[in-house]
Protein backbone atom coordinates (compact mmCIF):
# COMPACT_ATOMS: atom_id res chain seq x y z
CA MET A 1 4.47 9.78 -12.20
CA ARG A 2 8.04 10.29 -13.40
CA PRO A 3 8.93 9.27 -16.98
CA GLY A 4 10.09 5.67 -17.20
CA ARG A 5 8.59 4.75 -13.83
CA LEU A 6 5.95 2.02 -13.60
CA PRO A 7 2.50 2.89 -12.22
CA ALA A 8 1.90 2.38 -8.51
CA TRP A 9 -0.56 -0.49 -9.06
CA THR A 10 2.22 -2.62 -10.57
CA ALA A 11 3.77 -2.85 -7.09
CA THR A 12 0.72 -4.55 -5.58
CA LEU A 13 0.75 -8.18 -4.54
CA THR A 14 -2.24 -8.91 -6.80
CA TRP A 15 -0.41 -7.66 -9.88
CA LYS A 16 2.78 -9.53 -9.02
CA SER A 17 0.85 -12.72 -8.34
CA ALA A 18 -1.04 -12.37 -11.64
CA CYS A 19 2.23 -11.93 -13.54
CA PHE A 20 3.73 -14.95 -11.78
CA ILE A 21 0.68 -17.10 -12.56
CA VAL A 22 0.66 -16.04 -16.22
CA VAL A 23 4.39 -16.66 -16.64
CA MET A 24 4.22 -20.07 -14.96
CA CYS A 25 1.10 -21.14 -16.89
CA CYS A 26 2.60 -19.99 -20.20
CA SER A 27 5.84 -21.82 -19.47
CA LEU A 28 4.00 -24.99 -18.45
CA ALA A 29 1.68 -24.80 -21.45
CA ALA A 30 4.62 -24.25 -23.81
CA VAL A 31 6.55 -27.21 -22.42
CA LEU A 32 3.57 -29.58 -22.40
CA GLY A 33 2.43 -28.35 -25.83
CA ALA A 34 5.87 -28.88 -27.31
CA LEU A 35 6.11 -32.39 -25.85
CA VAL A 36 2.65 -33.38 -27.12
CA HIS A 37 3.33 -31.83 -30.54
CA VAL A 38 6.65 -33.65 -30.91
CA GLU A 39 5.24 -36.99 -29.76
CA VAL A 40 2.14 -36.87 -31.97
CA THR A 41 4.14 -35.65 -34.95
CA GLN A 42 6.63 -38.48 -34.56
CA GLN A 43 3.86 -41.05 -34.35
CA THR A 44 2.03 -39.57 -37.36
CA VAL A 45 5.18 -39.41 -39.46
CA ALA A 46 6.13 -42.97 -38.47
CA THR A 47 2.71 -44.26 -39.52
CA ALA A 48 2.86 -42.41 -42.83
CA ARG A 49 6.43 -43.64 -43.40
CA GLU A 50 5.44 -47.28 -42.81
CA LYS A 51 2.56 -46.86 -45.21
CA ALA A 52 4.79 -45.26 -47.86
CA LEU A 53 7.47 -47.95 -47.53
CA ALA A 54 4.87 -50.70 -47.82
CA ARG A 55 3.53 -49.06 -50.97
CA LEU A 56 7.09 -48.69 -52.32
CA LEU A 57 7.61 -52.44 -51.80
CA GLU A 58 4.49 -53.20 -53.87
CA VAL A 59 5.65 -50.78 -56.58
CA SER A 60 9.13 -52.39 -56.63
CA ARG A 61 7.59 -55.85 -57.12
CA ALA A 62 5.43 -54.57 -59.96
CA TYR A 63 8.48 -52.92 -61.57
CA GLU A 64 10.56 -56.11 -61.24
CA ALA A 65 7.69 -58.17 -62.74
CA GLY A 66 7.44 -55.77 -65.64
CA GLU A 67 3.91 -54.80 -64.76
CA PRO A 68 2.58 -51.25 -65.14
CA LEU A 69 3.35 -49.03 -62.16
CA PRO A 70 0.39 -48.25 -59.90
CA ARG A 71 -1.14 -44.80 -59.89
CA GLY A 72 1.00 -42.32 -57.95
CA SER A 73 4.27 -44.14 -58.72
CA TRP A 74 6.94 -43.12 -61.21
CA LEU A 75 10.49 -43.60 -62.37
CA ASP A 76 12.54 -40.46 -61.85
CA PRO A 77 9.47 -38.22 -61.30
CA VAL A 78 9.93 -34.49 -61.75
CA GLY A 79 8.74 -33.49 -58.26
CA LEU A 80 10.96 -35.93 -56.35
CA PRO A 81 13.02 -34.05 -53.73
CA PRO A 82 16.71 -33.96 -54.77
CA GLU A 83 18.02 -35.43 -51.50
CA LEU A 84 15.64 -38.38 -51.79
CA ARG A 85 16.60 -38.87 -55.47
CA THR A 86 20.28 -38.97 -54.48
CA LEU A 87 19.54 -41.51 -51.75
CA ALA A 88 17.64 -43.81 -54.19
CA VAL A 89 20.29 -43.61 -56.91
CA SER A 90 22.92 -44.60 -54.35
CA GLY A 91 21.02 -47.83 -53.78
CA ARG A 92 19.11 -47.09 -50.58
CA ARG A 93 15.50 -46.51 -49.68
CA GLY A 94 14.13 -43.49 -47.89
CA THR A 95 11.09 -41.35 -47.15
CA LEU A 96 10.56 -37.60 -46.93
CA VAL A 97 7.61 -35.25 -46.32
CA ALA A 98 7.40 -32.52 -48.98
CA ASP A 99 4.84 -30.58 -50.99
CA HIS A 100 3.68 -32.12 -54.23
CA ARG A 101 1.34 -30.13 -56.41
CA GLY A 102 0.54 -27.84 -53.48
CA ARG A 103 -0.35 -30.61 -51.04
CA PRO A 104 1.63 -32.24 -48.21
CA THR A 105 2.93 -35.58 -49.46
CA MET A 106 4.96 -38.44 -47.99
CA TRP A 107 7.51 -39.50 -50.63
CA ALA A 108 9.15 -42.94 -50.68
CA ALA A 109 11.93 -43.78 -53.14
CA GLY A 110 14.23 -46.71 -53.81
CA PRO A 111 16.77 -47.91 -56.43
CA ALA A 112 15.64 -49.29 -59.79
CA ASP A 113 18.48 -50.11 -62.25
CA GLY A 114 20.43 -46.96 -61.40
CA ARG A 115 17.31 -44.87 -61.42
CA ALA A 116 14.92 -43.68 -58.69
CA LEU A 117 11.62 -45.48 -58.28
CA ALA A 118 9.26 -43.29 -56.25
CA THR A 119 5.74 -43.37 -54.92
CA THR A 120 3.59 -40.98 -52.85
CA VAL A 121 1.12 -41.21 -49.99
CA ASP A 122 -1.24 -38.35 -49.18
CA TYR A 123 -0.02 -36.62 -46.02
CA GLY A 124 -2.70 -33.89 -45.97
CA GLN A 125 -4.94 -35.56 -43.42
CA SER A 126 -2.00 -36.16 -41.08
CA ALA A 127 -0.86 -32.54 -41.47
CA ARG A 128 -4.38 -31.33 -40.72
CA THR A 129 -4.49 -33.58 -37.67
CA ILE A 130 -1.24 -32.13 -36.36
CA SER A 131 -2.40 -28.56 -37.12
CA GLY A 132 -5.71 -29.21 -35.35
CA LEU A 133 -3.86 -30.64 -32.39
CA ASP A 134 -1.65 -27.53 -32.21
CA ASN A 135 -4.70 -25.28 -32.30
CA ALA A 136 -6.36 -27.38 -29.61
CA ILE A 137 -3.23 -27.12 -27.45
CA ILE A 138 -3.10 -23.34 -27.88
CA GLY A 139 -6.83 -22.92 -27.19
CA SER A 140 -6.82 -25.18 -24.13
CA SER A 141 -3.69 -23.44 -22.86
CA LEU A 142 -5.35 -20.04 -23.15
CA LEU A 143 -8.45 -21.33 -21.38
CA ALA A 144 -6.32 -22.92 -18.67
CA ILE A 145 -4.32 -19.71 -18.23
CA GLY A 146 -7.50 -17.64 -18.05
CA GLY A 147 -9.16 -20.01 -15.59
CA THR A 148 -6.05 -20.29 -13.43
CA LEU A 149 -5.63 -16.51 -13.50
CA LEU A 150 -9.21 -15.96 -12.34
CA VAL A 151 -8.97 -18.52 -9.57
CA GLY A 152 -5.53 -17.25 -8.55
CA ALA A 153 -6.68 -13.63 -8.60
CA PHE A 154 -9.68 -14.55 -6.45
CA ALA A 155 -7.48 -16.37 -3.95
CA VAL A 156 -4.85 -13.62 -3.88
CA THR A 157 -7.50 -10.92 -3.57
CA ARG A 158 -8.90 -12.63 -0.49
CA VAL A 159 -5.43 -12.61 1.05
CA THR A 160 -4.68 -9.01 0.05
CA ARG A 161 -8.08 -7.88 1.35
CA ARG A 162 -7.21 -9.31 4.74
CA LEU A 163 -3.77 -7.67 4.56
CA HIS A 164 -5.35 -4.32 3.70
CA LEU A 165 -7.71 -4.72 6.67
CA THR A 166 -4.77 -5.45 8.95
CA ALA A 167 -2.89 -2.41 7.60
CA ALA A 168 -5.97 -0.20 8.06
CA VAL A 169 -6.30 -1.32 11.69
CA ALA A 170 -2.58 -0.63 12.24
CA ARG A 171 -3.04 2.90 10.87
CA ARG A 172 -6.04 3.47 13.15
CA ILE A 173 -3.95 2.39 16.13
CA THR A 174 -1.18 4.75 15.02
CA GLN A 175 -3.71 7.60 14.92
CA GLY A 176 -4.75 6.88 18.50
CA ASP A 177 -7.70 4.50 18.13
CA LEU A 178 -6.51 1.90 20.62
CA ASP A 179 -9.84 0.06 20.48
CA ALA A 180 -9.26 -0.93 16.84
CA ARG A 181 -8.82 -4.68 16.28
CA VAL A 182 -8.55 -6.91 13.21
CA ASP A 183 -10.61 -9.64 14.90
CA ASP A 184 -9.87 -12.23 12.22
CA PRO A 185 -12.41 -15.11 12.49
CA ARG A 186 -9.56 -17.62 12.07
CA THR A 187 -8.04 -16.48 15.38
CA ARG A 188 -11.16 -17.01 17.47
CA THR A 189 -10.73 -20.77 17.74
CA PRO A 190 -7.30 -21.69 19.15
CA SER A 191 -7.52 -25.25 17.83
CA ARG A 192 -8.06 -24.04 14.26
CA HIS A 193 -5.02 -23.94 12.03
CA GLN A 194 -4.02 -20.39 11.10
CA ASP A 195 -2.35 -19.09 7.99
CA GLU A 196 0.33 -16.39 7.95
CA VAL A 197 -2.15 -13.52 7.59
CA ALA A 198 -4.16 -14.72 10.57
CA THR A 199 -0.93 -14.99 12.57
CA VAL A 200 -0.04 -11.37 11.74
CA ALA A 201 -3.58 -10.23 12.60
CA ALA A 202 -3.48 -12.05 15.95
CA ALA A 203 -0.06 -10.56 16.73
CA LEU A 204 -1.35 -7.05 15.90
CA ASP A 205 -4.43 -7.50 18.09
CA THR A 206 -2.27 -8.76 20.95
CA MET A 207 0.12 -5.83 20.55
CA ALA A 208 -2.76 -3.33 20.44
CA GLY A 209 -4.30 -4.83 23.58
CA SER A 210 -0.98 -4.74 25.43
CA LEU A 211 -0.31 -1.17 24.30
CA GLN A 212 -3.78 -0.08 25.33
CA SER A 213 -3.38 -1.63 28.78
CA LYS A 214 -0.02 0.05 29.34
CA LEU A 215 -1.25 3.46 28.17
CA GLU A 216 -4.39 3.18 30.28
CA SER A 217 -2.24 2.26 33.27
CA GLU A 218 0.06 5.23 32.69
CA ARG A 219 -2.90 7.57 32.19
CA ARG A 220 -4.55 6.41 35.41
CA PHE A 221 -1.24 6.76 37.25
CA THR A 222 -0.76 10.31 35.95
CA ALA A 223 -4.32 11.27 36.81
CA ASP A 224 -4.10 9.71 40.28
CA VAL A 225 -0.79 11.44 41.05
CA ALA A 226 -2.04 14.82 39.83
CA HIS A 227 -5.28 14.41 41.73
CA GLU A 228 -3.52 13.43 44.96
CA LEU A 229 -1.19 16.42 44.64
CA ARG A 230 -4.07 18.85 44.46
CA THR A 231 -4.95 18.70 48.15
CA PRO A 232 -1.43 19.24 49.62
CA LEU A 233 -0.71 21.93 47.04
CA THR A 234 -3.90 23.75 48.01
CA GLY A 235 -2.77 23.57 51.61
CA LEU A 236 0.69 24.84 50.68
CA GLN A 237 -0.80 27.78 48.82
CA ALA A 238 -3.01 28.66 51.76
CA ALA A 239 -0.03 28.38 54.13
CA SER A 240 2.16 30.54 51.90
CA GLU A 241 -0.38 33.33 52.15
CA LEU A 242 0.21 33.41 55.91
CA LEU A 243 3.95 33.86 55.58
CA PRO A 244 5.43 37.31 56.12
CA GLU A 245 6.11 39.33 53.03
CA GLY A 246 9.60 39.05 51.61
CA ARG A 247 11.72 37.54 48.89
CA PRO A 248 11.66 33.98 50.35
CA THR A 249 7.87 34.12 50.56
CA GLU A 250 7.60 35.22 46.94
CA LEU A 251 9.82 32.31 45.87
CA VAL A 252 7.67 29.84 47.80
CA ARG A 253 4.46 31.25 46.35
CA GLU A 254 5.92 31.16 42.83
CA ARG A 255 6.97 27.51 43.21
CA VAL A 256 3.55 26.57 44.59
CA ARG A 257 1.83 28.29 41.65
CA THR A 258 4.13 26.47 39.24
CA MET A 259 3.36 23.12 40.85
CA ARG A 260 -0.38 23.82 40.84
CA GLN A 261 -0.24 24.73 37.15
CA LEU A 262 1.78 21.59 36.41
CA THR A 263 -0.79 19.50 38.28
CA GLU A 264 -3.68 21.05 36.36
CA ASP A 265 -1.84 20.45 33.07
CA LEU A 266 -1.27 16.81 33.95
CA LEU A 267 -4.95 16.35 34.78
CA GLU A 268 -5.94 17.99 31.49
CA ILE A 269 -3.56 15.75 29.52
CA SER A 270 -4.92 12.66 31.24
CA ARG A 271 -8.47 13.71 30.28
CA LEU A 272 -7.37 14.25 26.69
CA ASP A 273 -5.69 10.84 26.63
CA SER A 274 -8.82 9.17 27.92
CA GLY A 275 -10.85 10.49 24.97
CA SER A 276 -13.74 11.42 27.24
CA GLU A 277 -13.81 15.12 26.35
CA VAL A 278 -17.18 16.50 25.23
CA VAL A 279 -17.21 19.27 22.63
CA GLU A 280 -19.73 22.10 23.03
CA SER A 281 -19.79 23.76 19.61
CA ASP A 282 -21.29 27.09 18.70
CA LEU A 283 -20.83 29.69 15.97
CA HIS A 284 -18.15 32.29 16.73
CA GLN A 285 -16.50 35.13 14.85
CA LEU A 286 -12.86 34.12 14.67
CA GLY A 287 -11.30 37.61 14.59
CA ARG A 288 -13.19 38.75 17.67
CA LEU A 289 -12.32 35.54 19.52
CA VAL A 290 -8.59 35.94 18.73
CA ARG A 291 -8.60 39.53 20.01
CA ARG A 292 -10.28 38.39 23.23
CA VAL A 293 -7.56 35.74 23.74
CA VAL A 294 -4.81 38.37 23.28
CA ARG A 295 -6.48 40.71 25.79
CA ALA A 296 -6.88 37.89 28.32
CA SER A 297 -3.22 36.92 27.97
CA GLY A 298 -2.06 40.39 29.02
CA THR A 299 0.74 40.28 26.45
CA ASP A 300 1.77 42.77 23.82
CA SER A 301 0.67 40.81 20.73
CA ASP A 302 -0.57 42.13 17.41
CA VAL A 303 -3.68 40.80 15.68
CA VAL A 304 -4.03 41.03 11.89
CA VAL A 305 -7.30 40.00 10.26
CA VAL A 306 -6.76 39.30 6.57
CA ARG A 307 -10.11 37.58 6.06
CA ASP A 308 -12.45 37.15 8.97
CA ALA A 309 -14.68 34.10 9.25
CA HIS A 310 -17.30 32.48 11.42
CA VAL A 311 -16.33 29.06 12.72
CA GLU A 312 -18.39 26.43 14.48
CA THR A 313 -16.23 25.26 17.36
CA ASP A 314 -15.84 24.94 21.12
CA ARG A 315 -14.87 28.46 22.23
CA ARG A 316 -13.29 27.41 25.54
CA ARG A 317 -11.03 24.82 23.90
CA LEU A 318 -10.08 27.12 21.03
CA GLU A 319 -9.18 29.88 23.50
CA ARG A 320 -7.08 27.33 25.41
CA VAL A 321 -5.18 26.42 22.24
CA LEU A 322 -4.55 30.03 21.21
CA GLY A 323 -3.69 31.08 24.75
CA ASN A 324 -1.03 28.36 25.03
CA LEU A 325 0.43 29.33 21.63
CA VAL A 326 0.61 33.01 22.61
CA ALA A 327 2.17 32.17 25.98
CA ASN A 328 4.71 29.88 24.35
CA ALA A 329 5.61 32.55 21.77
CA HIS A 330 6.31 35.14 24.46
CA LYS A 331 8.08 32.68 26.77
CA HIS A 332 10.38 30.99 24.27
CA GLY A 333 10.41 33.48 21.38
CA ARG A 334 10.96 37.22 21.02
CA PRO A 335 8.58 40.02 20.10
CA PRO A 336 6.87 41.07 18.00
CA VAL A 337 4.31 38.28 18.28
CA VAL A 338 1.71 38.49 15.51
CA LEU A 339 -1.57 36.56 15.28
CA THR A 340 -3.00 36.48 11.75
CA VAL A 341 -6.56 35.42 10.90
CA ASP A 342 -7.06 34.31 7.29
CA GLY A 343 -10.39 32.55 6.97
CA PRO A 344 -10.41 29.41 9.14
CA VAL A 345 -6.62 29.58 9.57
CA VAL A 346 -4.93 31.31 12.52
CA THR A 347 -1.16 31.71 12.63
CA VAL A 348 0.96 32.72 15.62
CA ARG A 349 4.37 34.10 14.61
CA ASP A 350 7.23 35.09 16.89
CA HIS A 351 10.71 36.36 15.99
CA GLY A 352 12.85 34.24 18.27
CA ASP A 353 15.13 31.32 17.48
CA GLY A 354 12.31 29.21 16.08
CA PHE A 355 10.97 25.83 17.08
CA PRO A 356 13.38 22.92 17.67
CA GLU A 357 13.79 20.52 14.78
CA TYR A 358 12.16 17.63 16.65
CA LEU A 359 9.07 19.73 17.38
CA ALA A 360 8.62 20.87 13.79
CA ALA A 361 9.11 17.31 12.52
CA HIS A 362 7.25 15.20 15.11
CA GLY A 363 5.21 17.64 17.20
CA PRO A 364 5.57 18.50 20.90
CA GLN A 365 6.69 15.90 23.42
CA ARG A 366 5.82 15.88 27.09
CA PHE A 367 8.48 17.12 29.48
CA ARG A 368 10.75 18.06 26.61
CA SER A 369 11.19 21.75 26.01
CA GLY A 370 13.69 23.84 24.10
CA GLY A 371 14.00 26.22 27.05
CA LYS A 372 12.29 26.77 30.38
CA GLY A 373 9.10 24.83 30.96
CA HIS A 374 7.85 21.26 30.84
CA GLY A 375 6.70 21.04 27.24
CA LEU A 376 3.09 20.51 28.36
CA GLY A 377 1.59 23.74 26.98
CA LEU A 378 2.06 22.81 23.32
CA THR A 379 1.09 19.19 24.07
CA ILE A 380 -2.21 20.43 25.50
CA ALA A 381 -2.66 22.76 22.52
CA VAL A 382 -2.26 19.87 20.08
CA GLY A 383 -4.62 17.69 22.14
CA GLN A 384 -7.34 20.32 22.40
CA ALA A 385 -6.99 21.12 18.69
CA GLY A 386 -7.55 17.44 17.94
CA VAL A 387 -10.67 17.41 20.12
CA ILE A 388 -12.29 20.25 18.14
CA GLY A 389 -11.19 18.70 14.83
CA ALA A 390 -8.51 21.30 14.05
CA ARG A 391 -4.98 20.72 12.78
CA LEU A 392 -2.01 22.36 14.50
CA GLU A 393 1.35 22.52 12.74
CA PHE A 394 4.69 23.99 13.80
CA ARG A 395 7.01 25.45 11.21
CA VAL A 396 10.42 27.08 11.14
CA VAL A 397 10.36 30.39 9.26
CA GLU A 398 13.24 31.49 7.07
CA GLY A 399 15.09 34.36 8.69
CA GLY A 400 14.32 33.13 12.21
CA GLY A 401 11.23 32.74 14.30
CA GLY A 402 8.59 30.12 14.89
CA LEU A 403 5.23 29.81 13.16
CA ALA A 404 2.29 27.87 14.59
CA VAL A 405 -0.52 27.26 12.08
CA LEU A 406 -3.97 26.32 13.39
CA THR A 407 -6.45 25.20 10.71
CA LEU A 408 -10.05 24.95 11.85
CA PRO A 409 -12.42 22.50 10.16
CA HIS A 410 -15.42 24.78 9.51
CA ASP A 411 -15.47 28.04 7.62
CA VAL A 412 -18.74 29.99 7.40
CA PRO A 413 -18.13 33.11 5.25
CA THR A 414 -18.78 36.38 7.03
CA GLN A 415 -21.59 38.43 5.48
CA ALA A 416 -20.59 41.84 4.18
CA PRO A 417 -22.28 44.78 5.99
């Protein structure tokens, strides 16, 4: 993770939803808490003020009658707030909440012969009531936020789980599993109302079904065409053998062989597309198998064994992959062509112009070739590699040349003699 960049989990919908819920709950709790606090405080202060003014009226009557002032009442007391003293001296009455001897007190003062007559009412209970209310508001807000967050996280998690399932099915379809479906229970009953996630799941299932039908139709068409071409091509080959020797006959025979090879390649691709291939695995020494492929190809290729290994694989399919890579290197590249065995990895390197950019980036495409050919040899190599669980990559080498890297899935170390 780069400095200053947030972790990846902060980009998830669950995290964003949790932040939104917390922010909204805090905002709502703050607004409601402030309103309740202000309203209760105003009512409490108004009650205490009425009580203080009523007591001040009794004290004023006692002062005017010359009677002793009740307890808690004075003329020009020392602790009287200055602003309230000024208001009383000016001839008006007023109240004010202030501390008196370390306790919250409601003061009430009025005029008395140019002096300030004041009395007090205990405001401690009211202050404790307001403080308790504030604590109750904060506590209930935290509980509400926690409860809402849990419920919201549960609801969002259910949605995100369904989204993750839909994304996983989409990735499986991308990797070639056309039978993968979301199969959301909400889409099984047409009369049932569907939410947005169910709509996306249904659309993905419909798209996957349509794509599977089209690909199956194309595969069957390719297989049927290739199969139907076999018989006339066999007849053409037999007829070409009866033609008199000469350059025209050689051209006809070459074209017939090319068409037969193209037909066989199309049939092999259709079998690979159908996913019906059966792997017959056995233990083989990789270096010896690579040398046998080079000998069978009849090409001048070098074999370098850096670290030999035994691999459990289908020999026929592996030889098909390596044979196509060697043939492609000699057909589209330039010598020397070098096959290197390094454990379960086999590389085929030529010194030509290298692979096209589209092939190195996206893999081989049918009937698209950088030179002569139909682009089916590398397509078959990738398909057969996938059948045996291997990974085939195409790279452009600095200084020119193409590099095909075949990584086999199993590596059984070779025992030293």
